[in-house]
């Protein structure tokens, strides 16, 4: 990366000053190299003189001058440097440095932008984890796409990453599903029962009931509705919902390495294992919790419970591990699950959760810190809901789901590319407005179309040249010198930024940085395409401009690949 080149130049200059006695031999240099917002301040700027001035016992501007004087002689990457403001050093790249980037992109191809910054790190990303009690909604889909692209980004910087889906197949919600299916199942045989409050509406429940009848006939008919649905009915319903979830994920090209069952925590003794470890650390005691804040539930009562001392690890209060009937709380299961993940040897655990789980983060982190001593083992990214519109009007209901529009309905209407790109346009922590008609529009107002069209335009240039009977391989260094207009140099600067954007998006787990960059690059290319004759009659200029277009197309394709979006050659 050009960014790394500037960092190395500054480091070499500081080491030279260290040899001259300006810094102690054991001095470790820490500074930043960034791209200034104002292009008049150069291509890069460093704060090295500002952060090291006290150590050097020099005013920042004076130290900046010393650093400039110590820069390696004979380097050809930087055209000029200058000291600015209180002591920043601005670097202006030579046109040759920018022009030669085209050769680098051509050589690296699909690998351009990838690195080994994260090599040696083993991470796990657990995402989606939607309850297997019905179709996936848009919030699930947004979490799925964000999790998938975070994995892709981490892999792009050399990390070893495993994908995991946590199947919530042991909670009360599964019994509610089984009960709902059983009521619809009896209705198929003419036995109508009212649907109790809290059961699941929507035609998908009837679909499961029909499948149950077709597979097992009248086996589950009873004269009255049982208090608890048979386990086999519950399992049948869960399996059908999981089948739909897998199909929805396949439509979005989102695979998983592991599907982890919550039930296994109970059946394989993992919860007891976690409890024993907490007891050994004297982190469990018998106590009475304070009443919940806000409106008190009618069934709440002060009673002794087994509590985890989570407040010792930064949580607001201690947390219950067992219910009044002796069964474990959901939190106890979550402790066991995350302990299991930690024991599998991951360096970092990353969870993608819905925004409604925000209050749950601290208690899980406190449990992991208590059990492992690692306070930063778990990172959690929250995903806000999606507001669906059609031509500016809210869309709220789905016949299939009963209360919400399903992810499948939106993917089938707009396509996976549109859904993935749109879900990544904003930070996952901010709500997102998704307009169905705009997502399908073949206009510049549709961001995914705008970026894909830029890639298609590059390939249209190649086809037009082939139709003329010509073809130009990558231009040579002499021809690339013809790329001297400001619009061309600005496009090259944008291409040089791509590896930095990928690295930053990966390290910060912020996938929205990639579509933002692609939109900026596409805008620059469309402007250049409309304002310049790329297939010029001048052979050298044509070769240089086509090489610039090809490099732009390659970077757009690389970025879209990271997003899991196609890069079409024709539109």
Protein backbone atom coordinates (compact mmCIF):
# COMPACT_ATOMS: atom_id res chain seq x y z
CA UNK A 1 0.00 0.00 0.00
CA UNK A 2 1.11 3.57 -0.68
CA UNK A 3 0.09 4.30 2.89
CA UNK A 4 2.66 1.77 4.14
CA UNK A 5 5.30 3.35 1.92
CA UNK A 6 4.83 6.73 3.62
CA UNK A 7 4.90 5.09 7.04
CA UNK A 8 8.18 3.42 6.16
CA UNK A 9 9.71 6.70 4.97
CA UNK A 10 8.81 8.41 8.25
CA UNK A 11 10.06 5.45 10.31
CA UNK A 12 13.37 5.44 8.43
CA UNK A 13 13.80 9.17 9.08
CA UNK A 14 13.09 8.72 12.80
CA UNK A 15 15.56 5.86 13.03
CA UNK A 16 18.15 8.12 11.40
CA UNK A 17 17.49 10.78 14.04
CA UNK A 18 17.71 8.08 16.70
CA UNK A 19 21.17 7.15 15.47
CA UNK A 20 22.10 10.83 15.71
CA UNK A 21 21.16 10.78 19.40
CA UNK A 22 17.93 12.76 19.20
CA UNK A 23 15.98 9.81 20.63
CA UNK A 24 16.98 7.16 23.14
CA UNK A 25 18.02 3.79 21.71
CA UNK A 26 15.02 2.08 23.32
CA UNK A 27 12.56 4.65 21.92
CA UNK A 28 9.58 3.05 20.18
CA UNK A 29 8.01 5.34 17.62
CA UNK A 30 4.24 5.58 17.53
CA UNK A 31 2.61 7.96 15.08
CA UNK A 32 -0.17 8.13 12.53
CA UNK A 33 -0.17 8.56 8.77
CA UNK A 34 -3.53 9.67 7.43
CA UNK A 35 -5.07 11.11 4.32
CA UNK A 36 -5.95 14.79 4.81
CA UNK A 37 -9.54 15.78 4.15
CA UNK A 38 -8.34 18.80 2.20
CA UNK A 39 -6.43 17.72 -0.92
CA UNK A 40 -4.44 20.96 -0.72
CA UNK A 41 -2.73 19.41 2.30
CA UNK A 42 -1.26 16.63 0.21
CA UNK A 43 -1.92 12.95 -0.28
CA UNK A 44 -0.83 11.97 3.22
CA UNK A 45 0.00 13.71 6.49
CA UNK A 46 1.71 12.50 9.66
CA UNK A 47 1.54 13.72 13.25
CA UNK A 48 4.95 12.21 14.10
CA UNK A 49 6.51 15.55 15.05
CA UNK A 50 3.57 16.47 17.26
CA UNK A 51 3.51 13.25 19.28
CA UNK A 52 7.31 12.94 19.57
CA UNK A 53 8.19 16.59 20.23
CA UNK A 54 8.23 16.22 24.02
CA UNK A 55 10.51 13.19 23.85
CA UNK A 56 12.86 14.98 21.43
CA UNK A 57 12.73 18.16 23.54
CA UNK A 58 12.09 20.23 20.44
CA UNK A 59 9.16 22.37 19.28
CA UNK A 60 6.96 20.28 16.94
CA UNK A 61 7.67 22.37 13.84
CA UNK A 62 11.41 22.23 14.47
CA UNK A 63 11.26 18.45 14.90
CA UNK A 64 9.18 18.23 11.70
CA UNK A 65 11.97 20.02 9.82
CA UNK A 66 14.52 17.57 11.25
CA UNK A 67 12.37 14.63 10.11
CA UNK A 68 12.11 16.09 6.61
CA UNK A 69 15.87 16.51 6.43
CA UNK A 70 16.35 12.87 7.48
CA UNK A 71 14.03 11.36 4.87
CA UNK A 72 15.87 8.80 2.70
CA UNK A 73 17.67 10.32 -0.25
CA UNK A 74 16.80 9.11 -3.71
CA UNK A 75 13.22 8.07 -2.95
CA UNK A 76 10.93 8.62 -5.93
CA UNK A 77 7.50 8.17 -4.39
CA UNK A 78 7.11 11.66 -2.92
CA UNK A 79 7.28 14.76 -5.06
CA UNK A 80 7.49 17.21 -2.16
CA UNK A 81 6.92 17.49 1.58
CA UNK A 82 6.02 20.46 3.72
CA UNK A 83 5.52 21.33 7.36
CA UNK A 84 2.04 22.63 8.06
CA UNK A 85 0.12 24.04 11.01
CA UNK A 86 1.49 23.21 14.46
CA UNK A 87 3.83 20.55 13.10
CA UNK A 88 2.08 18.20 10.67
CA UNK A 89 4.14 16.94 7.75
CA UNK A 90 2.28 16.76 4.43
CA UNK A 91 3.38 14.47 1.62
CA UNK A 92 2.57 14.99 -2.07
CA UNK A 93 3.02 11.88 -4.22
CA UNK A 94 4.64 12.01 -7.63
CA UNK A 95 2.38 11.35 -10.64
CA UNK A 96 4.62 8.36 -11.40
CA UNK A 97 3.76 6.77 -8.04
CA UNK A 98 0.07 7.06 -8.81
CA UNK A 99 0.42 5.96 -12.42
CA UNK A 100 2.42 2.85 -11.51
CA UNK A 101 -0.46 1.76 -9.28
CA UNK A 102 -2.21 0.58 -12.46
CA UNK A 103 0.56 -1.98 -12.99
CA UNK A 104 0.21 -3.14 -9.38
CA UNK A 105 -3.55 -3.62 -9.72
CA UNK A 106 -3.13 -5.47 -13.01
CA UNK A 107 -0.53 -7.76 -11.45
CA UNK A 108 -2.46 -8.47 -8.24
CA UNK A 109 -5.92 -8.66 -9.84
CA UNK A 110 -8.46 -10.11 -7.43
CA UNK A 111 -5.88 -10.02 -4.62
CA UNK A 112 -5.51 -6.24 -4.75
CA UNK A 113 -6.68 -4.83 -1.43
CA UNK A 114 -6.06 -8.04 0.50
CA UNK A 115 -3.32 -8.32 3.11
CA UNK A 116 -1.96 -10.42 5.97
CA UNK A 117 -2.47 -7.84 8.71
CA UNK A 118 -4.62 -10.29 10.65
CA UNK A 119 -2.62 -13.43 9.89
CA UNK A 120 -2.33 -15.82 12.82
CA UNK A 121 -5.59 -14.72 14.45
CA UNK A 122 -8.43 -17.20 14.84
CA UNK A 123 -11.86 -15.63 15.23
CA UNK A 124 -15.44 -16.79 15.39
CA UNK A 125 -18.40 -14.78 14.18
CA UNK A 126 -21.81 -15.88 15.45
CA UNK A 127 -24.63 -14.22 13.57
CA UNK A 128 -28.27 -14.45 12.50
CA UNK A 129 -29.23 -17.02 15.20
CA UNK A 130 -32.90 -16.28 14.51
CA UNK A 131 -35.32 -18.34 16.57
CA UNK A 132 -36.48 -21.34 14.47
CA UNK A 133 -40.11 -20.40 15.02
CA UNK A 134 -40.98 -18.76 11.72
CA UNK A 135 -39.72 -16.98 8.60
CA UNK A 136 -36.76 -14.62 8.75
CA UNK A 137 -37.65 -10.93 8.81
CA UNK A 138 -35.64 -8.02 7.44
CA UNK A 139 -33.83 -7.44 10.73
CA UNK A 140 -32.56 -11.01 10.60
CA UNK A 141 -31.51 -10.45 7.00
CA UNK A 142 -29.61 -7.29 7.81
CA UNK A 143 -27.77 -9.09 10.61
CA UNK A 144 -27.03 -11.97 8.25
CA UNK A 145 -25.53 -9.74 5.56
CA UNK A 146 -23.51 -7.69 8.06
CA UNK A 147 -22.15 -10.84 9.70
CA UNK A 148 -21.29 -12.41 6.36
CA UNK A 149 -19.40 -9.34 5.13
CA UNK A 150 -17.55 -8.94 8.44
CA UNK A 151 -16.33 -12.52 7.93
CA UNK A 152 -15.31 -11.76 4.34
CA UNK A 153 -13.43 -8.64 5.45
CA UNK A 154 -11.59 -10.43 8.25
CA UNK A 155 -10.58 -13.16 5.81
CA UNK A 156 -9.38 -10.46 3.40
CA UNK A 157 -6.79 -9.33 5.97
CA UNK A 158 -5.59 -12.86 6.63
CA UNK A 159 -7.65 -13.91 9.67
CA UNK A 160 -8.90 -17.46 10.10
CA UNK A 161 -12.62 -17.07 10.68
CA UNK A 162 -15.38 -19.54 11.52
CA UNK A 163 -19.09 -18.84 11.06
CA UNK A 164 -21.60 -20.09 13.59
CA UNK A 165 -25.38 -20.14 13.88
CA UNK A 166 -26.82 -20.66 17.39
CA UNK A 167 -30.11 -22.56 17.16
CA UNK A 168 -32.48 -21.49 19.93
CA UNK A 169 -34.24 -24.85 20.06
CA UNK A 170 -34.71 -25.23 23.82
CA UNK A 171 -36.69 -22.19 24.94
CA UNK A 172 -40.34 -21.57 25.69
CA UNK A 173 -40.78 -20.10 22.21
CA UNK A 174 -40.41 -23.59 20.71
CA UNK A 175 -43.30 -24.86 22.83
CA UNK A 176 -45.41 -21.91 21.66
CA UNK A 177 -44.60 -22.87 18.07
CA UNK A 178 -45.56 -26.49 18.70
CA UNK A 179 -48.82 -25.41 20.32
CA UNK A 180 -49.64 -23.09 17.41
CA UNK A 181 -48.97 -25.84 14.87
CA UNK A 182 -51.05 -28.33 16.83
CA UNK A 183 -54.07 -25.99 16.79
CA UNK A 184 -53.77 -25.48 13.02
CA UNK A 185 -53.23 -29.24 12.58
CA UNK A 186 -56.52 -30.06 14.30
CA UNK A 187 -58.30 -27.43 12.19
CA UNK A 188 -57.30 -29.43 9.10
CA UNK A 189 -59.44 -32.27 10.47
CA UNK A 190 -62.40 -29.98 11.24
CA UNK A 191 -61.59 -29.60 14.93
CA UNK A 192 -61.49 -25.83 15.49
CA UNK A 193 -59.85 -24.43 18.63
CA UNK A 194 -59.32 -20.74 19.37
CA UNK A 195 -55.72 -19.55 18.98
CA UNK A 196 -54.56 -18.47 22.49
CA UNK A 197 -52.89 -15.11 22.96
CA UNK A 198 -49.17 -15.29 22.36
CA UNK A 199 -49.32 -18.06 19.77
CA UNK A 200 -47.83 -17.48 16.32
CA UNK A 201 -50.11 -16.09 13.58
CA UNK A 202 -49.42 -16.29 9.87
CA UNK A 203 -50.02 -18.78 7.11
CA UNK A 204 -46.62 -20.38 7.63
CA UNK A 205 -47.96 -22.12 10.78
CA UNK A 206 -50.71 -23.70 8.67
CA UNK A 207 -48.05 -24.73 6.13
CA UNK A 208 -46.22 -26.63 8.88
CA UNK A 209 -49.48 -28.21 10.03
CA UNK A 210 -50.24 -29.38 6.48
CA UNK A 211 -46.75 -30.87 6.19
CA UNK A 212 -47.23 -32.61 9.54
CA UNK A 213 -50.57 -34.08 8.41
CA UNK A 214 -49.13 -35.20 5.08
CA UNK A 215 -46.18 -36.87 6.79
CA UNK A 216 -47.88 -38.42 9.84
CA UNK A 217 -51.62 -38.42 9.12
CA UNK A 218 -53.94 -38.18 12.11
CA UNK A 219 -51.37 -39.44 14.63
CA UNK A 220 -51.52 -36.30 16.78
CA UNK A 221 -55.28 -35.84 16.98
CA UNK A 222 -56.61 -35.46 20.54
CA UNK A 223 -60.06 -34.55 21.89
CA UNK A 224 -58.67 -31.55 23.78
CA UNK A 225 -55.63 -29.34 23.34
CA UNK A 226 -52.82 -30.75 25.53
CA UNK A 227 -51.08 -28.47 28.01
CA UNK A 228 -47.75 -29.21 26.34
CA UNK A 229 -47.31 -30.08 22.66
CA UNK A 230 -45.66 -33.46 21.98
CA UNK A 231 -41.88 -33.22 21.58
CA UNK A 232 -42.01 -34.81 18.13
CA UNK A 233 -44.44 -32.13 16.93
CA UNK A 234 -42.16 -29.41 18.28
CA UNK A 235 -39.14 -31.01 16.59
CA UNK A 236 -41.03 -31.32 13.30
CA UNK A 237 -41.98 -27.62 13.39
CA UNK A 238 -38.46 -26.51 14.31
CA UNK A 239 -36.99 -28.60 11.50
CA UNK A 240 -39.35 -27.04 8.96
CA UNK A 241 -38.52 -23.50 10.13
CA UNK A 242 -34.79 -24.25 10.02
CA UNK A 243 -35.24 -25.54 6.48
CA UNK A 244 -36.77 -22.18 5.50
CA UNK A 245 -34.00 -20.29 7.26
CA UNK A 246 -31.33 -22.28 5.44
CA UNK A 247 -33.07 -21.61 2.12
CA UNK A 248 -33.24 -17.88 2.85
CA UNK A 249 -29.55 -17.80 3.70
CA UNK A 250 -28.70 -19.73 0.54
CA UNK A 251 -30.59 -17.13 -1.49
CA UNK A 252 -28.22 -14.53 -0.05
CA UNK A 253 -25.18 -16.82 -0.49
CA UNK A 254 -24.48 -16.96 3.25
CA UNK A 255 -22.95 -20.26 4.46
CA UNK A 256 -22.19 -21.43 8.01
CA UNK A 257 -19.45 -23.70 9.29
CA UNK A 258 -21.32 -24.71 12.46
CA UNK A 259 -24.97 -24.95 13.50
CA UNK A 260 -24.88 -25.12 17.30
CA UNK A 261 -27.96 -26.45 19.11
CA UNK A 262 -29.00 -24.83 22.38
CA UNK A 263 -30.40 -28.19 23.46
CA UNK A 264 -26.90 -29.67 23.45
CA UNK A 265 -26.00 -27.34 26.30
CA UNK A 266 -28.56 -29.15 28.45
CA UNK A 267 -28.17 -32.70 27.15
CA UNK A 268 -24.36 -32.70 27.19
CA UNK A 269 -23.95 -31.11 30.61
CA UNK A 270 -22.36 -27.88 29.40
CA UNK A 271 -24.47 -25.68 31.68
CA UNK A 272 -23.54 -27.75 34.73
CA UNK A 273 -19.91 -27.53 33.62
CA UNK A 274 -20.08 -23.73 33.57
CA UNK A 275 -21.88 -23.59 36.92
CA UNK A 276 -19.19 -25.74 38.54
CA UNK A 277 -16.48 -23.38 37.30
CA UNK A 278 -18.33 -20.34 38.66
CA UNK A 279 -18.81 -22.09 42.00
CA UNK A 280 -15.11 -22.90 42.16
CA UNK A 281 -14.39 -19.20 41.83
CA UNK A 282 -16.94 -18.38 44.57
CA UNK A 283 -19.04 -16.41 42.08
CA UNK A 284 -22.43 -17.98 42.91
CA UNK A 285 -24.50 -17.32 46.01
CA UNK A 286 -28.06 -17.58 47.30
CA UNK A 287 -29.72 -14.17 47.28
CA UNK A 288 -32.83 -12.15 46.56
CA UNK A 289 -32.83 -9.79 43.60
CA UNK A 290 -34.21 -6.28 43.74
CA UNK A 291 -37.55 -5.88 41.94
CA UNK A 292 -37.18 -5.05 38.23
CA UNK A 293 -37.12 -1.40 37.23
CA UNK A 294 -40.23 0.15 35.72
CA UNK A 295 -43.56 -1.66 35.74
CA UNK A 296 -43.34 -4.72 37.97
CA UNK A 297 -44.61 -8.00 36.45
CA UNK A 298 -47.68 -9.44 38.20
CA UNK A 299 -45.97 -12.78 38.81
CA UNK A 300 -42.81 -11.26 40.31
CA UNK A 301 -42.00 -12.18 43.87
CA UNK A 302 -39.02 -11.77 46.13
CA UNK A 303 -37.52 -15.21 46.59
CA UNK A 304 -34.11 -16.75 47.15
CA UNK A 305 -32.28 -17.65 43.93
CA UNK A 306 -28.87 -18.80 42.84
CA UNK A 307 -27.19 -15.64 41.61
CA UNK A 308 -24.01 -14.95 39.67
CA UNK A 309 -21.86 -12.08 40.99
CA UNK A 310 -21.84 -10.31 37.62
CA UNK A 311 -21.73 -6.89 39.29
CA UNK A 312 -18.11 -7.65 40.21
CA UNK A 313 -17.31 -7.55 36.51
CA UNK A 314 -19.04 -4.34 35.49
CA UNK A 315 -22.66 -5.48 35.22
CA UNK A 316 -25.39 -3.38 36.84
CA UNK A 317 -26.75 -6.14 39.09
CA UNK A 318 -26.12 -9.78 39.85
CA UNK A 319 -27.99 -12.23 37.64
CA UNK A 320 -30.17 -15.26 38.30
CA UNK A 321 -29.02 -18.66 37.04
CA UNK A 322 -32.04 -20.80 37.95
CA UNK A 323 -35.81 -20.32 37.91
CA UNK A 324 -38.16 -21.14 40.77
CA UNK A 325 -38.82 -24.60 39.29
CA UNK A 326 -35.11 -25.39 39.35
CA UNK A 327 -34.56 -25.13 35.59
CA UNK A 328 -31.75 -22.97 34.29
CA UNK A 329 -32.36 -19.45 33.06
CA UNK A 330 -31.61 -18.44 29.50
CA UNK A 331 -28.65 -16.52 30.89
CA UNK A 332 -27.19 -19.69 32.40
CA UNK A 333 -27.41 -21.35 29.00
CA UNK A 334 -25.76 -18.34 27.39
CA UNK A 335 -22.89 -18.49 29.89
CA UNK A 336 -22.35 -22.14 29.05
CA UNK A 337 -22.51 -21.46 25.31
CA UNK A 338 -19.95 -18.68 25.40
CA UNK A 339 -17.68 -20.66 27.70
CA UNK A 340 -17.83 -23.47 25.16
CA UNK A 341 -16.82 -21.03 22.42
CA UNK A 342 -13.93 -19.74 24.54
CA UNK A 343 -12.75 -23.30 25.22
CA UNK A 344 -12.58 -23.91 21.48
CA UNK A 345 -9.54 -21.62 21.39
CA UNK A 346 -10.70 -18.55 19.47
CA UNK A 347 -8.72 -15.34 19.94
CA UNK A 348 -11.85 -13.20 19.59
CA UNK A 349 -15.56 -13.94 19.65
CA UNK A 350 -17.76 -11.62 17.60
CA UNK A 351 -21.53 -11.69 18.04
CA UNK A 352 -23.98 -9.96 15.71
CA UNK A 353 -27.15 -9.30 17.72
CA UNK A 354 -30.41 -7.49 17.20
CA UNK A 355 -30.62 -4.07 18.81
CA UNK A 356 -33.16 -5.38 21.36
CA UNK A 357 -30.35 -7.43 22.93
CA UNK A 358 -28.25 -4.37 23.78
CA UNK A 359 -28.97 -4.69 27.49
CA UNK A 360 -27.67 -8.25 27.45
CA UNK A 361 -24.12 -7.45 26.34
CA UNK A 362 -22.60 -6.50 29.67
CA UNK A 363 -23.84 -9.55 31.55
CA UNK A 364 -22.47 -12.00 28.98
CA UNK A 365 -19.15 -10.17 28.83
CA UNK A 366 -18.98 -10.19 32.64
CA UNK A 367 -19.57 -13.96 32.71
CA UNK A 368 -16.84 -14.57 30.15
CA UNK A 369 -14.43 -12.29 32.01
CA UNK A 370 -15.16 -14.20 35.23
CA UNK A 371 -14.59 -17.59 33.65
CA UNK A 372 -11.62 -16.83 31.38
CA UNK A 373 -9.98 -13.72 32.83
CA UNK A 374 -10.18 -12.18 29.34
CA UNK A 375 -12.16 -8.95 29.47
CA UNK A 376 -12.02 -8.26 25.73
CA UNK A 377 -12.73 -11.76 24.43
CA UNK A 378 -16.28 -10.96 23.29
CA UNK A 379 -17.19 -8.17 20.87
CA UNK A 380 -20.84 -7.49 20.08
CA UNK A 381 -22.20 -5.60 17.08
CA UNK A 382 -25.83 -4.53 17.29
CA UNK A 383 -28.08 -4.40 14.24
CA UNK A 384 -31.05 -2.07 14.08
CA UNK A 385 -34.27 -2.90 12.30
CA UNK A 386 -35.11 -2.14 8.67
CA UNK A 387 -38.00 0.16 7.74
CA UNK A 388 -39.57 -1.06 4.51
CA UNK A 389 -41.12 1.32 1.99
CA UNK A 390 -42.62 1.15 -1.47
CA UNK A 391 -42.46 4.42 -3.40
CA UNK A 392 -42.12 6.26 -0.10
CA UNK A 393 -45.05 4.54 1.63
CA UNK A 394 -44.48 2.16 4.58
CA UNK A 395 -44.96 -1.57 3.99
CA UNK A 396 -45.71 -3.40 7.22
CA UNK A 397 -47.73 -6.58 6.80
CA UNK A 398 -47.15 -10.01 5.30
CA UNK A 399 -49.81 -12.65 4.82
CA UNK A 400 -47.22 -15.39 5.25
CA UNK A 401 -45.71 -14.08 8.49
CA UNK A 402 -48.84 -12.41 9.80
CA UNK A 403 -47.09 -9.44 11.39
CA UNK A 404 -44.08 -8.54 9.24
CA UNK A 405 -42.74 -8.69 5.70
CA UNK A 406 -40.44 -11.67 5.35
CA UNK A 407 -36.87 -11.53 4.11
CA UNK A 408 -37.73 -14.04 1.40
CA UNK A 409 -40.47 -11.81 -0.04
CA UNK A 410 -38.05 -8.89 -0.37
CA UNK A 411 -35.23 -10.98 -1.87
CA UNK A 412 -37.61 -12.51 -4.42
CA UNK A 413 -38.86 -9.07 -5.42
CA UNK A 414 -35.62 -7.09 -5.57
CA UNK A 415 -32.87 -9.70 -5.89
CA UNK A 416 -30.05 -10.71 -3.57
CA UNK A 417 -27.62 -8.07 -4.90
CA UNK A 418 -29.94 -5.21 -4.05
CA UNK A 419 -30.76 -6.59 -0.61
CA UNK A 420 -27.11 -7.13 0.30
CA UNK A 421 -25.91 -3.74 -0.94
CA UNK A 422 -28.78 -1.81 0.64
CA UNK A 423 -28.39 -3.57 3.98
CA UNK A 424 -24.79 -2.35 4.09
CA UNK A 425 -25.37 1.28 3.19
CA UNK A 426 -25.54 2.45 6.79
CA UNK A 427 -23.81 1.42 9.99
CA UNK A 428 -25.61 -1.56 11.49
CA UNK A 429 -26.17 0.50 14.63
CA UNK A 430 -28.41 2.95 12.75
CA UNK A 431 -31.90 2.23 11.46
CA UNK A 432 -32.20 1.70 7.71
CA UNK A 433 -34.92 2.72 5.25
CA UNK A 434 -35.28 0.27 2.36
CA UNK A 435 -37.42 1.33 -0.59
CA UNK A 436 -38.46 -1.61 -2.77
CA UNK A 437 -39.03 0.41 -5.93
CA UNK A 438 -35.79 2.36 -5.63
CA UNK A 439 -33.85 -0.86 -4.98
CA UNK A 440 -35.07 -2.19 -8.34
CA UNK A 441 -34.69 1.05 -10.30
CA UNK A 442 -32.20 1.09 -13.14
CA UNK A 443 -31.23 4.69 -12.45
CA UNK A 444 -28.36 6.51 -10.80
CA UNK A 445 -30.54 7.02 -7.71
CA UNK A 446 -30.25 3.30 -6.97
CA UNK A 447 -26.81 2.88 -5.34
CA UNK A 448 -26.27 -0.77 -6.27
CA UNK A 449 -27.18 -0.10 -9.91
CA UNK A 450 -24.89 2.95 -9.92
CA UNK A 451 -21.86 0.90 -8.80
CA UNK A 452 -22.60 -2.14 -10.95
CA UNK A 453 -23.14 0.10 -13.99
CA UNK A 454 -19.66 1.58 -13.52
CA UNK A 455 -18.21 -1.94 -13.74
CA UNK A 456 -20.32 -2.74 -16.78
CA UNK A 457 -19.12 0.44 -18.48
CA UNK A 458 -15.51 -0.73 -18.20
CA UNK A 459 -16.40 -3.94 -20.00
CA UNK A 460 -18.34 -2.00 -22.63
CA UNK A 461 -15.09 -0.22 -23.48
CA UNK A 462 -13.35 -3.54 -24.01
CA UNK A 463 -16.17 -4.79 -26.25
CA UNK A 464 -16.19 -1.62 -28.33
CA UNK A 465 -12.46 -1.87 -28.87
CA UNK A 466 -12.74 -5.53 -29.83
CA UNK A 467 -15.50 -4.66 -32.30
CA UNK A 468 -13.02 -2.31 -33.95
CA UNK A 469 -10.59 -5.21 -34.24
CA UNK A 470 -8.20 -3.98 -31.59
CA UNK A 471 -7.12 -4.96 -28.09
CA UNK A 472 -4.74 -3.31 -25.68
CA UNK A 473 -3.01 -5.18 -22.88
CA UNK A 474 -1.88 -3.28 -19.78
CA UNK A 475 -0.18 -0.07 -20.82
CA UNK A 476 3.55 0.29 -20.17
CA UNK A 477 5.12 2.88 -17.86
CA UNK A 478 5.80 5.27 -20.77
CA UNK A 479 2.20 5.24 -21.89
CA UNK A 480 0.89 5.65 -18.33
CA UNK A 481 2.73 8.98 -18.10
CA UNK A 482 -0.03 10.35 -20.35
CA UNK A 483 -2.41 10.14 -17.35
CA UNK A 484 -1.61 13.65 -16.17
CA UNK A 485 -5.00 15.37 -15.96
CA UNK A 486 -6.30 16.11 -12.48
CA UNK A 487 -9.38 13.91 -13.04
CA UNK A 488 -7.09 10.99 -13.88
CA UNK A 489 -4.79 11.57 -10.92
CA UNK A 490 -7.80 11.89 -8.62
CA UNK A 491 -9.15 8.57 -9.86
CA UNK A 492 -5.73 7.02 -9.21
CA UNK A 493 -5.73 8.44 -5.69
CA UNK A 494 -9.08 6.79 -5.06
CA UNK A 495 -7.75 3.45 -6.34
CA UNK A 496 -4.75 3.75 -4.02
CA UNK A 497 -7.08 4.13 -1.04
CA UNK A 498 -8.84 0.80 -1.52
CA UNK A 499 -6.46 -1.41 0.54
CA UNK A 500 -6.66 1.06 3.42
CA UNK A 501 -10.45 1.04 3.30
CA UNK A 502 -10.55 -2.77 3.39
CA UNK A 503 -8.16 -2.94 6.32
CA UNK A 504 -10.00 -0.28 8.29
CA UNK A 505 -13.42 -1.83 7.59
CA UNK A 506 -12.12 -5.21 8.75
CA UNK A 507 -10.37 -4.06 11.91
CA UNK A 508 -13.29 -1.84 12.95
CA UNK A 509 -15.94 -4.38 11.84
CA UNK A 510 -17.67 -1.68 9.83
CA UNK A 511 -18.64 -3.20 6.46
CA UNK A 512 -20.54 -0.05 5.41
CA UNK A 513 -17.17 1.54 4.59
CA UNK A 514 -16.91 -0.63 1.46
CA UNK A 515 -20.16 0.46 -0.30
CA UNK A 516 -19.44 4.07 0.64
CA UNK A 517 -16.02 3.80 -1.00
CA UNK A 518 -17.46 2.05 -4.08
CA UNK A 519 -20.05 4.79 -4.53
CA UNK A 520 -17.31 7.42 -4.40
CA UNK A 521 -15.17 5.48 -6.88
CA UNK A 522 -18.13 4.88 -9.20
CA UNK A 523 -19.00 8.58 -9.15
CA UNK A 524 -15.44 9.53 -10.07
CA UNK A 525 -15.37 6.99 -12.89
CA UNK A 526 -18.76 7.99 -14.32
CA UNK A 527 -17.62 11.63 -14.33
CA UNK A 528 -14.37 10.69 -16.03
CA UNK A 529 -16.12 8.43 -18.54
CA UNK A 530 -18.59 11.15 -19.50
CA UNK A 531 -15.95 13.86 -19.78
CA UNK A 532 -13.13 12.05 -21.61
CA UNK A 533 -12.72 10.13 -24.82
CA UNK A 534 -11.21 6.95 -23.43
CA UNK A 535 -10.92 5.15 -26.78
CA UNK A 536 -8.95 8.04 -28.24
CA UNK A 537 -7.33 7.83 -31.64
CA UNK A 538 -3.95 8.52 -30.01
CA UNK A 539 -2.62 4.99 -29.42
CA UNK A 540 -0.63 5.76 -26.26
CA UNK A 541 -3.37 7.86 -24.69
CA UNK A 542 -5.96 5.21 -25.51
CA UNK A 543 -3.79 2.51 -23.94
CA UNK A 544 -3.26 4.58 -20.78
CA UNK A 545 -6.91 5.53 -20.36
CA UNK A 546 -8.15 2.02 -21.02
CA UNK A 547 -5.65 0.72 -18.46
CA UNK A 548 -7.01 3.23 -15.95
CA UNK A 549 -10.56 2.07 -16.70
CA UNK A 550 -9.56 -1.58 -16.34
CA UNK A 551 -7.90 -0.87 -13.00
CA UNK A 552 -11.06 0.89 -11.83
CA UNK A 553 -13.19 -2.04 -12.96
CA UNK A 554 -10.93 -4.47 -11.12
CA UNK A 555 -11.19 -2.54 -7.85
CA UNK A 556 -14.98 -2.23 -8.18
CA UNK A 557 -15.19 -5.98 -8.81
CA UNK A 558 -12.98 -6.69 -5.79
CA UNK A 559 -15.12 -4.48 -3.58
CA UNK A 560 -18.39 -5.99 -4.78
CA UNK A 561 -16.96 -9.47 -4.16
CA UNK A 562 -16.30 -8.52 -0.54
CA UNK A 563 -19.94 -7.45 -0.31
CA UNK A 564 -21.15 -10.69 -1.89
CA UNK A 565 -22.60 -8.70 -4.81
CA UNK A 566 -22.16 -9.57 -8.49
CA UNK A 567 -20.07 -7.40 -10.80
CA UNK A 568 -21.98 -7.66 -14.11
CA UNK A 569 -20.24 -7.09 -17.44
CA UNK A 570 -23.45 -5.98 -19.14
CA UNK A 571 -26.54 -4.16 -17.87
